[in-house]
Amino acid sequence: MIFDSILCYDLTMHYDLILKNGTIVTPKESLKADIAVKNGKIVQTGSLENSCSADDIYDAAGMYILPGIIDAHVHFRDPGLTEKEDFETGSIAAAFGGITTIADMPNTVPVTSNLLRFNEKTCIAKEKSCVDFALFALLPNESAEIETLKRAGALGFKVFLGTSTGDIAPPSQSVLFEQMKVCAKAGIRIGFHAETSELNSYFTSLCVKKTGSLGQLLSEARPVFSEALAVQTAICYAQYSGAKIHIHHVTSLDGVKLIAEAKQKGINVTAETCPHYLLLNAENCAHKVYPPIRGEEHRKALWKAIDERIIDMIASDHAPHTKKEKELPVWEAPAGLCGTETFVPLILNEVNRGTLSLNDFVRLTSETPAKIWGIYPRKGNLLSGADADFTVVDMNRKEKIDINELHSKSKNSPYDGTEIKGKPIATIVRGKFIMKDGILPANKGFVNLISPEL
C-alpha cells in the first residue's frame, strides 16, 4: 500500500480541512482513508481518529477522492479575444468540471511570446481565475528569451507547425532547431501542434469544391498525412537536438505509430489526446476542430494507445468561439470545441462503461500531466506535502449534459443531450472549496501561477 494508516491521538490536533470516509484513488490503488489539510498542503493521509478536529470536515462517504485533475491544454482567450472566453468564465467552467489546475496556451492577442506579455497574462489570470493556472509561451526566436521566460514561470513552450486560431506561422527550420537545442540545455519541454500548414491549405482547397459527409471532408481537408509529417518532423528535431517534446492532441493511428517508434528509440517524447478524438468519429460528427476528428479506425487506435501507454495523458483542448463565429459557413467558421467542463464527466462515464479504470483515469489526467510538465510532486498526487488539490466524484451520479447549463461563454459542444454516469461534486484547490455541490463558494484572487521547479 502507498499510504500508511495514521492515527491521531493528540486531542489538540487541529487542521484546516479533513476529508473523511471517502475512497482515495491513486494510479496504483484505491482505498478507504481520511485526508487532513493544513496551510494548503496535505499533511496526513490514513485513518484519523474522531478526536482530530478541523475548521471544515467534509464527509465523502460513498465518494471517490482523486488528486486534483489537471487540464493541461486550454485556450481561455485572455487577453484580446475575451468575447470568446476569459480567465474568469473559463476557470469557473473548469471548477464545475472538477479541474483544479489549467494550463493556458499562448495563441492570444497579443501572443504570449515574451516576458512582458507573459507577465501581463499572469496578472490577468491571478485577478480573474478561481483555479490554479500555468501558462505556455510561444517558442521565442531569441535564445535569451527562453531562460527569461523559464525564470518567469513558463510551463513550457509551444510550437505551431500548422496554423490554428491566431494564424501563428511555423518557425523557420534553422531557428526551430537552434531554439530546441537551447531548450534541451534549459531542461524545458516543447509542445507541438502537429499539422503541416502547406498540406492543409492544399487539401482544404480541394475539399471546399467537394460534396459529401461534412465530417469526412473536414478530416480530408487536414489529412492524417499532415499530422504524420508534423509528428515525424518534431521527433526528428528532438532526436538531433536532445530536446524534450510533447505532441498535443494526437488524432490518428499514424501519429501513434510514429510516437511509439520514437519512444522505443529512447527519444524523450510524450503525447496527449482529447475526449473528442476518443468519443467522436468523422462518419457521424460534423463539428469543426483542428486537428480534425478522424474515422473509427483512428478512434479505436487512440484507446489502444492509451492502454499501451503510448499516449500519456488526456486534456480537453478547450477552444471556445462566439456563437456568431461558429454559425458562419463551415469553411469560414473557426475551429474549436468547448471541453474543460465536460472533460472529466465524459471520461468518468467511460470508466463506468469499463473502457478504463478509475486508477488509469488518475494517471492520465493528474499524475502524468504533472510529471510531464515538471510540477510533480507539488501537483498530481495525494502524498503528504503536496498541494491539497482534490477532485471529489460521485461515480453513480447520472445526468444529461445540457449546453445551456455550461459555464463557458461559448456553448459550442457536441455533447448536448449526452447522458453520463459519474460527475465531480467538489473541486478543492489548496484546501479551499472552489466548487461544492454545484455551488461556487470561493472568491477569486488566491490562485497561484504553477511553474516547473527551476
Protein backbone atom coordinates (compact mmCIF):
# COMPACT_ATOMS: atom_id res chain seq x y z
CA MET A 1 0.00 0.00 0.00
CA ILE A 2 1.14 3.54 -0.78
CA PHE A 3 -0.36 5.07 2.35
CA ASP A 4 0.27 4.00 5.92
CA SER A 5 -2.54 4.39 8.42
CA ILE A 6 -2.07 7.42 10.64
CA LEU A 7 -3.89 7.56 13.96
CA CYS A 8 -4.46 10.92 15.59
CA TYR A 9 -4.10 10.58 19.37
CA ASP A 10 -3.31 14.24 20.15
CA LEU A 11 -6.59 15.83 21.28
CA THR A 12 -5.17 19.25 20.38
CA MET A 13 -4.51 18.23 16.74
CA HIS A 14 -6.41 20.70 14.58
CA TYR A 15 -6.50 21.02 10.80
CA ASP A 16 -7.95 23.42 8.28
CA LEU A 17 -9.84 20.67 6.45
CA ILE A 18 -10.49 16.97 6.88
CA LEU A 19 -11.99 14.78 4.16
CA LYS A 20 -13.48 11.73 5.89
CA ASN A 21 -14.87 8.36 4.86
CA GLY A 22 -14.05 8.62 1.16
CA THR A 23 -12.17 6.26 -1.13
CA ILE A 24 -8.91 7.81 -2.23
CA VAL A 25 -7.67 6.87 -5.69
CA THR A 26 -4.10 6.79 -7.00
CA PRO A 27 -2.80 5.36 -10.28
CA LYS A 28 -1.96 2.13 -8.42
CA GLU A 29 -4.68 1.58 -5.83
CA SER A 30 -7.94 2.68 -4.26
CA LEU A 31 -8.57 2.54 -0.52
CA LYS A 32 -10.77 3.97 2.19
CA ALA A 33 -8.91 6.73 4.00
CA ASP A 34 -9.17 10.20 5.51
CA ILE A 35 -7.11 13.20 4.41
CA ALA A 36 -6.08 16.13 6.62
CA VAL A 37 -5.07 19.54 5.24
CA LYS A 38 -3.12 22.36 6.86
CA ASN A 39 -1.96 25.60 5.22
CA GLY A 40 -2.98 24.42 1.77
CA LYS A 41 -0.94 21.20 1.94
CA ILE A 42 -1.77 17.56 2.56
CA VAL A 43 -0.35 16.69 5.99
CA GLN A 44 -1.95 13.35 6.88
CA THR A 45 -3.47 10.54 4.87
CA GLY A 46 -4.84 7.43 6.51
CA SER A 47 -7.17 6.74 9.43
CA LEU A 48 -7.87 9.82 11.56
CA GLU A 49 -9.45 9.38 14.97
CA ASN A 50 -12.62 11.29 15.82
CA SER A 51 -10.58 13.34 18.30
CA CYS A 52 -9.00 15.18 15.38
CA SER A 53 -10.71 18.49 14.67
CA ALA A 54 -10.78 20.89 11.74
CA ASP A 55 -12.28 24.16 10.64
CA ASP A 56 -14.15 22.18 7.99
CA ILE A 57 -14.92 18.44 7.96
CA TYR A 58 -16.26 17.08 4.67
CA ASP A 59 -17.98 13.70 4.73
CA ALA A 60 -17.06 11.96 1.48
CA ALA A 61 -18.82 8.67 2.29
CA GLY A 62 -19.60 6.81 -0.92
CA MET A 63 -17.45 9.24 -2.94
CA TYR A 64 -14.03 8.93 -4.57
CA ILE A 65 -11.29 11.44 -3.78
CA LEU A 66 -8.91 11.95 -6.68
CA PRO A 67 -5.76 14.06 -6.77
CA GLY A 68 -6.82 17.31 -8.41
CA ILE A 69 -7.43 16.89 -12.13
CA ILE A 70 -5.14 18.92 -14.41
CA ASP A 71 -6.41 20.19 -17.74
CA ALA A 72 -3.06 20.87 -19.39
CA HIS A 73 -4.44 22.25 -22.66
CA VAL A 74 -6.95 25.11 -22.63
CA HIS A 75 -7.48 28.34 -24.56
CA PHE A 76 -9.07 30.86 -22.20
CA ARG A 77 -8.51 33.61 -24.82
CA ASP A 78 -7.35 36.27 -22.32
CA PRO A 79 -6.15 38.82 -23.36
CA GLY A 80 -7.54 40.19 -26.60
CA LEU A 81 -10.18 37.61 -27.50
CA THR A 82 -12.34 37.87 -24.41
CA GLU A 83 -15.59 37.91 -26.37
CA LYS A 84 -14.93 34.17 -26.73
CA GLU A 85 -13.78 33.42 -23.16
CA ASP A 86 -11.69 34.87 -20.33
CA PHE A 87 -9.94 33.54 -17.25
CA GLU A 88 -12.99 34.13 -15.07
CA THR A 89 -15.54 32.25 -17.15
CA GLY A 90 -13.07 29.61 -18.30
CA SER A 91 -11.86 28.84 -14.78
CA ILE A 92 -15.43 28.70 -13.46
CA ALA A 93 -16.23 26.15 -16.17
CA ALA A 94 -13.10 24.23 -15.17
CA ALA A 95 -14.09 24.28 -11.49
CA PHE A 96 -17.56 22.91 -12.26
CA GLY A 97 -15.82 20.25 -14.33
CA GLY A 98 -13.64 19.11 -11.41
CA ILE A 99 -10.43 20.74 -12.72
CA THR A 100 -8.05 22.16 -10.10
CA THR A 101 -5.22 23.35 -12.39
CA ILE A 102 -5.33 24.52 -16.01
CA ALA A 103 -2.55 25.26 -18.49
CA ASP A 104 -3.33 28.05 -20.94
CA MET A 105 -1.96 28.24 -24.48
CA PRO A 106 -0.15 31.28 -25.94
CA ASN A 107 -2.15 31.98 -29.14
CA THR A 108 -3.96 35.03 -27.78
CA VAL A 109 -3.93 38.68 -28.88
CA PRO A 110 -1.16 39.61 -28.35
CA VAL A 111 0.63 36.28 -28.50
CA THR A 112 2.33 35.21 -25.25
CA SER A 113 5.80 35.37 -26.74
CA ASN A 114 7.96 37.50 -24.44
CA LEU A 115 8.41 38.42 -20.79
CA LEU A 116 6.17 41.50 -20.92
CA ARG A 117 3.24 39.60 -22.39
CA PHE A 118 3.80 36.64 -20.10
CA ASN A 119 3.71 38.87 -17.03
CA GLU A 120 0.62 40.69 -18.30
CA LYS A 121 -1.24 37.40 -18.72
CA THR A 122 -0.07 36.23 -15.29
CA CYS A 123 -1.54 39.35 -13.69
CA ILE A 124 -4.84 38.89 -15.54
CA ALA A 125 -5.10 35.24 -14.51
CA LYS A 126 -4.26 35.97 -10.86
CA GLU A 127 -7.04 38.53 -10.76
CA LYS A 128 -9.70 36.51 -12.57
CA SER A 129 -9.04 32.79 -12.16
CA CYS A 130 -10.61 30.63 -9.45
CA VAL A 131 -8.34 27.62 -10.06
CA ASP A 132 -4.56 27.37 -10.15
CA PHE A 133 -3.09 28.06 -13.56
CA ALA A 134 0.02 27.51 -15.65
CA LEU A 135 0.99 29.36 -18.82
CA PHE A 136 2.66 28.20 -22.00
CA ALA A 137 4.73 30.68 -24.01
CA LEU A 138 5.30 30.63 -27.74
CA LEU A 139 8.80 29.38 -28.50
CA PRO A 140 10.70 32.66 -28.98
CA ASN A 141 13.17 33.46 -31.75
CA GLU A 142 15.73 34.85 -29.31
CA SER A 143 17.67 32.36 -27.18
CA ALA A 144 17.91 34.74 -24.22
CA GLU A 145 14.11 34.86 -24.02
CA ILE A 146 13.99 31.12 -23.31
CA GLU A 147 15.81 31.44 -19.99
CA THR A 148 13.93 34.65 -19.19
CA LEU A 149 10.55 33.03 -19.71
CA LYS A 150 11.62 29.94 -17.82
CA ARG A 151 12.59 32.07 -14.81
CA ALA A 152 9.27 33.93 -15.09
CA GLY A 153 7.48 30.60 -14.69
CA ALA A 154 6.56 29.36 -18.18
CA LEU A 155 5.28 25.79 -18.02
CA GLY A 156 6.72 25.01 -21.44
CA PHE A 157 6.98 26.35 -24.97
CA LYS A 158 4.51 25.86 -27.80
CA VAL A 159 5.29 25.47 -31.50
CA PHE A 160 2.59 25.59 -34.17
CA LEU A 161 3.81 23.54 -37.12
CA GLY A 162 0.36 24.08 -38.61
CA THR A 163 -1.77 27.20 -38.26
CA SER A 164 -4.71 27.30 -35.87
CA THR A 165 -6.52 30.13 -34.04
CA GLY A 166 -4.24 33.16 -34.26
CA ASP A 167 -2.62 32.11 -37.55
CA ILE A 168 0.82 31.83 -35.97
CA ALA A 169 3.34 30.91 -38.63
CA PRO A 170 5.69 27.98 -38.02
CA PRO A 171 9.27 28.99 -37.19
CA SER A 172 11.94 28.51 -39.82
CA GLN A 173 13.66 25.17 -39.66
CA SER A 174 17.02 26.59 -38.62
CA VAL A 175 15.52 28.78 -35.87
CA LEU A 176 13.45 25.85 -34.58
CA PHE A 177 16.48 23.57 -34.38
CA GLU A 178 18.68 26.13 -32.65
CA GLN A 179 15.98 27.03 -30.14
CA MET A 180 15.30 23.37 -29.41
CA LYS A 181 18.97 22.96 -28.52
CA VAL A 182 18.65 25.86 -26.09
CA CYS A 183 15.53 24.28 -24.56
CA ALA A 184 17.39 20.98 -24.20
CA LYS A 185 20.07 22.71 -22.11
CA ALA A 186 17.43 24.58 -20.10
CA GLY A 187 15.51 21.35 -19.43
CA ILE A 188 12.17 22.76 -20.54
CA ARG A 189 9.72 20.78 -22.68
CA ILE A 190 8.37 21.95 -26.04
CA GLY A 191 4.80 21.14 -27.10
CA PHE A 192 3.88 20.80 -30.78
CA HIS A 193 0.67 21.47 -32.62
CA ALA A 194 1.44 18.76 -35.15
CA GLU A 195 -0.03 19.65 -38.52
CA THR A 196 1.61 20.80 -41.75
CA SER A 197 0.25 24.13 -42.99
CA GLU A 198 1.12 23.77 -46.67
CA LEU A 199 -0.62 20.40 -46.91
CA ASN A 200 -3.65 21.69 -45.00
CA SER A 201 -4.04 24.61 -47.41
CA TYR A 202 -3.76 22.38 -50.46
CA PHE A 203 -6.20 19.71 -49.35
CA THR A 204 -8.67 22.26 -47.97
CA SER A 205 -8.76 23.96 -51.37
CA LEU A 206 -9.77 20.63 -52.87
CA CYS A 207 -12.38 19.78 -50.24
CA VAL A 208 -14.29 23.07 -50.46
CA LYS A 209 -15.26 22.01 -54.00
CA LYS A 210 -16.49 18.57 -52.93
CA THR A 211 -19.78 17.32 -51.56
CA GLY A 212 -20.40 14.51 -49.13
CA SER A 213 -20.20 13.82 -45.41
CA LEU A 214 -19.04 17.04 -43.80
CA GLY A 215 -17.19 15.23 -41.03
CA GLN A 216 -15.21 13.21 -43.54
CA LEU A 217 -14.50 16.28 -45.67
CA LEU A 218 -13.14 18.12 -42.65
CA SER A 219 -10.83 15.19 -41.97
CA GLU A 220 -9.70 15.08 -45.60
CA ALA A 221 -9.07 18.83 -45.60
CA ARG A 222 -6.40 18.37 -42.92
CA PRO A 223 -5.42 14.78 -43.64
CA VAL A 224 -3.69 12.20 -41.48
CA PHE A 225 -0.67 12.70 -43.75
CA SER A 226 -0.45 16.30 -42.48
CA GLU A 227 -0.33 15.17 -38.85
CA ALA A 228 2.08 12.31 -39.51
CA LEU A 229 4.59 14.54 -41.30
CA ALA A 230 4.50 17.10 -38.50
CA VAL A 231 4.89 14.46 -35.78
CA GLN A 232 7.80 12.96 -37.69
CA THR A 233 9.38 16.42 -38.03
CA ALA A 234 9.08 17.17 -34.31
CA ILE A 235 10.54 13.79 -33.41
CA CYS A 236 13.46 14.22 -35.82
CA TYR A 237 14.32 17.62 -34.34
CA ALA A 238 14.07 16.17 -30.84
CA GLN A 239 16.40 13.31 -31.74
CA TYR A 240 19.14 15.61 -33.01
CA SER A 241 18.70 18.50 -30.57
CA GLY A 242 18.20 16.43 -27.41
CA ALA A 243 15.08 18.44 -26.50
CA LYS A 244 12.14 17.03 -24.59
CA ILE A 245 8.98 17.28 -26.70
CA HIS A 246 5.25 16.76 -26.32
CA ILE A 247 2.76 16.11 -29.11
CA HIS A 248 -0.53 17.83 -28.37
CA HIS A 249 -3.95 16.44 -29.40
CA VAL A 250 -2.91 13.29 -31.29
CA THR A 251 -5.73 12.17 -33.58
CA SER A 252 -4.50 9.26 -35.67
CA LEU A 253 -3.16 5.73 -35.81
CA ASP A 254 -0.31 7.06 -37.94
CA GLY A 255 0.71 9.59 -35.30
CA VAL A 256 0.54 6.91 -32.62
CA LYS A 257 2.87 4.60 -34.59
CA LEU A 258 5.47 7.34 -35.00
CA ILE A 259 5.36 8.22 -31.30
CA ALA A 260 5.66 4.56 -30.31
CA GLU A 261 8.73 4.12 -32.54
CA ALA A 262 10.34 7.26 -31.10
CA LYS A 263 9.79 6.08 -27.54
CA GLN A 264 11.37 2.74 -28.38
CA LYS A 265 14.44 4.63 -29.64
CA GLY A 266 14.71 6.46 -26.33
CA ILE A 267 13.63 9.86 -27.64
CA ASN A 268 12.01 11.92 -24.89
CA VAL A 269 8.56 12.38 -26.43
CA THR A 270 5.22 12.41 -24.64
CA ALA A 271 1.76 12.60 -26.14
CA GLU A 272 -1.81 13.61 -25.35
CA THR A 273 -5.20 13.15 -26.92
CA CYS A 274 -8.59 14.70 -26.17
CA PRO A 275 -12.11 13.46 -25.38
CA HIS A 276 -13.48 14.45 -28.79
CA TYR A 277 -10.95 12.24 -30.58
CA LEU A 278 -11.71 9.35 -28.24
CA LEU A 279 -15.50 9.62 -28.34
CA LEU A 280 -16.46 11.03 -31.76
CA ASN A 281 -15.75 9.96 -35.32
CA ALA A 282 -15.82 11.70 -38.68
CA GLU A 283 -18.57 9.48 -40.07
CA ASN A 284 -21.24 10.98 -37.83
CA CYS A 285 -19.74 14.19 -36.39
CA ALA A 286 -19.51 17.45 -38.33
CA HIS A 287 -18.07 19.62 -35.55
CA LYS A 288 -15.09 21.62 -36.79
CA VAL A 289 -11.94 21.34 -34.69
CA TYR A 290 -8.22 21.41 -35.54
CA PRO A 291 -6.74 18.87 -35.89
CA PRO A 292 -9.96 17.31 -37.17
CA ILE A 293 -11.89 14.37 -35.78
CA ARG A 294 -10.95 11.18 -37.62
CA GLY A 295 -12.64 7.95 -38.64
CA GLU A 296 -13.43 4.96 -36.46
CA GLU A 297 -10.14 3.18 -37.18
CA HIS A 298 -8.24 6.08 -35.66
CA ARG A 299 -10.59 6.49 -32.69
CA LYS A 300 -10.08 2.85 -31.71
CA ALA A 301 -6.32 3.19 -32.20
CA LEU A 302 -6.21 6.07 -29.71
CA TRP A 303 -7.87 3.99 -26.99
CA LYS A 304 -5.43 1.16 -27.74
CA ALA A 305 -2.52 3.62 -27.48
CA ILE A 306 -3.79 4.77 -24.09
CA ASP A 307 -3.97 1.17 -22.90
CA GLU A 308 -0.42 0.54 -24.16
CA ARG A 309 0.82 3.82 -22.61
CA ILE A 310 1.92 5.27 -25.91
CA ILE A 311 -0.43 8.19 -25.31
CA ASP A 312 0.49 9.51 -21.88
CA MET A 313 -2.32 11.91 -20.95
CA ILE A 314 -5.71 13.37 -21.83
CA ALA A 315 -6.56 17.08 -21.97
CA SER A 316 -9.60 19.00 -23.19
CA ASP A 317 -8.14 21.46 -25.74
CA HIS A 318 -10.96 23.77 -24.64
CA ALA A 319 -11.22 26.16 -27.61
CA PRO A 320 -14.24 28.50 -27.39
CA HIS A 321 -15.59 30.82 -30.08
CA THR A 322 -18.65 33.04 -30.27
CA LYS A 323 -21.99 31.72 -31.47
CA LYS A 324 -21.90 34.12 -34.41
CA GLU A 325 -18.48 32.85 -35.49
CA LYS A 326 -19.49 29.20 -35.29
CA GLU A 327 -22.63 29.88 -37.36
CA LEU A 328 -20.56 31.03 -40.35
CA PRO A 329 -20.33 28.67 -43.35
CA VAL A 330 -18.21 25.72 -42.32
CA TRP A 331 -15.11 26.61 -44.35
CA GLU A 332 -15.18 30.15 -42.91
CA ALA A 333 -16.03 29.30 -39.29
CA PRO A 334 -13.20 29.00 -36.75
CA ALA A 335 -12.25 25.57 -35.41
CA GLY A 336 -12.61 24.55 -31.80
CA LEU A 337 -14.89 22.98 -29.21
CA CYS A 338 -15.58 23.77 -25.57
CA GLY A 339 -14.46 20.96 -23.31
CA THR A 340 -13.00 21.86 -19.92
CA GLU A 341 -16.32 21.42 -18.09
CA THR A 342 -17.32 18.18 -19.83
CA PHE A 343 -13.85 16.59 -19.93
CA VAL A 344 -14.00 14.82 -16.55
CA PRO A 345 -17.65 13.63 -16.69
CA LEU A 346 -17.21 12.22 -20.19
CA ILE A 347 -14.16 10.15 -19.26
CA LEU A 348 -15.70 9.10 -15.90
CA ASN A 349 -18.58 7.78 -17.98
CA GLU A 350 -16.05 5.67 -19.89
CA VAL A 351 -14.75 4.39 -16.55
CA ASN A 352 -18.26 3.28 -15.68
CA ARG A 353 -18.53 1.61 -19.09
CA GLY A 354 -15.35 -0.36 -18.36
CA THR A 355 -13.20 1.31 -21.04
CA LEU A 356 -10.55 2.20 -18.47
CA SER A 357 -10.16 2.03 -14.69
CA LEU A 358 -10.51 4.94 -12.28
CA ASN A 359 -6.83 4.41 -11.42
CA ASP A 360 -5.94 4.82 -15.10
CA PHE A 361 -8.04 7.97 -15.21
CA VAL A 362 -5.99 9.47 -12.35
CA ARG A 363 -2.76 8.52 -14.11
CA LEU A 364 -3.86 10.09 -17.40
CA THR A 365 -5.36 13.30 -16.03
CA SER A 366 -3.43 14.11 -12.86
CA GLU A 367 -0.17 12.30 -12.14
CA THR A 368 1.24 12.09 -15.66
CA PRO A 369 0.43 15.67 -16.76
CA ALA A 370 2.12 16.89 -13.57
CA LYS A 371 5.20 14.80 -14.30
CA ILE A 372 5.39 15.72 -17.99
CA TRP A 373 5.25 19.44 -17.28
CA GLY A 374 7.56 19.41 -14.25
CA ILE A 375 5.06 20.29 -11.50
CA TYR A 376 5.13 16.91 -9.72
CA PRO A 377 5.12 16.23 -6.75
CA ARG A 378 3.57 19.60 -5.91
CA LYS A 379 0.62 18.59 -8.08
CA GLY A 380 -0.72 15.26 -9.28
CA ASN A 381 -0.71 13.11 -6.11
CA LEU A 382 -2.14 12.62 -2.62
CA LEU A 383 1.13 12.38 -0.71
CA SER A 384 1.98 14.45 2.35
CA GLY A 385 3.47 17.79 1.36
CA ALA A 386 1.62 18.04 -1.96
CA ASP A 387 -0.83 20.84 -2.65
CA ALA A 388 -4.21 19.92 -1.19
CA ASP A 389 -5.94 19.69 -4.58
CA PHE A 390 -8.81 17.21 -4.77
CA THR A 391 -11.50 16.28 -7.24
CA VAL A 392 -14.31 14.52 -5.39
CA VAL A 393 -16.50 12.44 -7.70
CA ASP A 394 -19.76 10.57 -7.41
CA MET A 395 -19.43 7.62 -9.75
CA ASN A 396 -23.16 6.87 -9.52
CA ARG A 397 -24.43 10.36 -10.38
CA LYS A 398 -26.39 10.30 -13.64
CA GLU A 399 -27.04 13.43 -15.64
CA LYS A 400 -27.64 14.64 -19.15
CA ILE A 401 -25.26 17.29 -20.48
CA ASP A 402 -27.15 20.49 -21.25
CA ILE A 403 -25.12 23.12 -23.11
CA ASN A 404 -27.32 25.87 -21.67
CA GLU A 405 -26.09 24.97 -18.18
CA LEU A 406 -22.38 25.05 -19.05
CA HIS A 407 -20.41 27.96 -17.62
CA SER A 408 -18.20 28.90 -20.56
CA LYS A 409 -19.11 31.98 -22.59
CA SER A 410 -19.28 29.64 -25.56
CA LYS A 411 -21.86 26.85 -25.67
CA ASN A 412 -20.28 25.06 -28.62
CA SER A 413 -20.28 21.41 -27.59
CA PRO A 414 -21.03 18.21 -29.49
CA TYR A 415 -22.22 16.57 -26.26
CA ASP A 416 -25.52 18.37 -25.76
CA GLY A 417 -28.03 15.75 -24.59
CA THR A 418 -25.37 13.12 -23.87
CA GLU A 419 -26.20 11.00 -20.83
CA ILE A 420 -23.28 10.46 -18.48
CA LYS A 421 -22.73 8.49 -15.28
CA GLY A 422 -20.04 9.87 -12.99
CA LYS A 423 -19.62 13.51 -12.05
CA PRO A 424 -17.42 15.81 -9.95
CA ILE A 425 -19.30 17.08 -6.90
CA ALA A 426 -16.48 19.05 -5.26
CA THR A 427 -13.37 20.80 -6.52
CA ILE A 428 -10.77 21.75 -3.89
CA VAL A 429 -7.67 23.85 -4.63
CA ARG A 430 -5.01 24.02 -1.91
CA GLY A 431 -7.58 23.19 0.75
CA LYS A 432 -10.28 25.62 -0.41
CA PHE A 433 -13.60 24.54 -1.90
CA ILE A 434 -13.86 26.10 -5.33
CA MET A 435 -16.97 24.16 -6.28
CA LYS A 436 -19.12 22.29 -3.78
CA ASP A 437 -22.35 20.50 -4.68
CA GLY A 438 -22.96 22.72 -7.70
CA ILE A 439 -22.17 25.98 -5.89
CA LEU A 440 -19.14 28.24 -6.40
CA PRO A 441 -18.26 29.34 -2.84
CA ALA A 442 -14.68 30.58 -3.29
CA ASN A 443 -13.54 34.09 -4.07
CA LYS A 444 -11.04 34.78 -6.83
CA GLY A 445 -7.57 36.11 -6.16
CA PHE A 446 -5.94 33.38 -4.05
CA VAL A 447 -4.76 31.27 -7.00
CA ASN A 448 -1.15 30.62 -7.92
CA LEU A 449 0.88 30.54 -11.12
CA ILE A 450 2.15 26.96 -11.21
CA SER A 451 5.61 26.61 -12.69
CA PRO A 452 8.19 23.83 -13.08
CA GLU A 453 10.91 23.69 -10.46
CA LEU A 454 13.92 25.76 -11.57
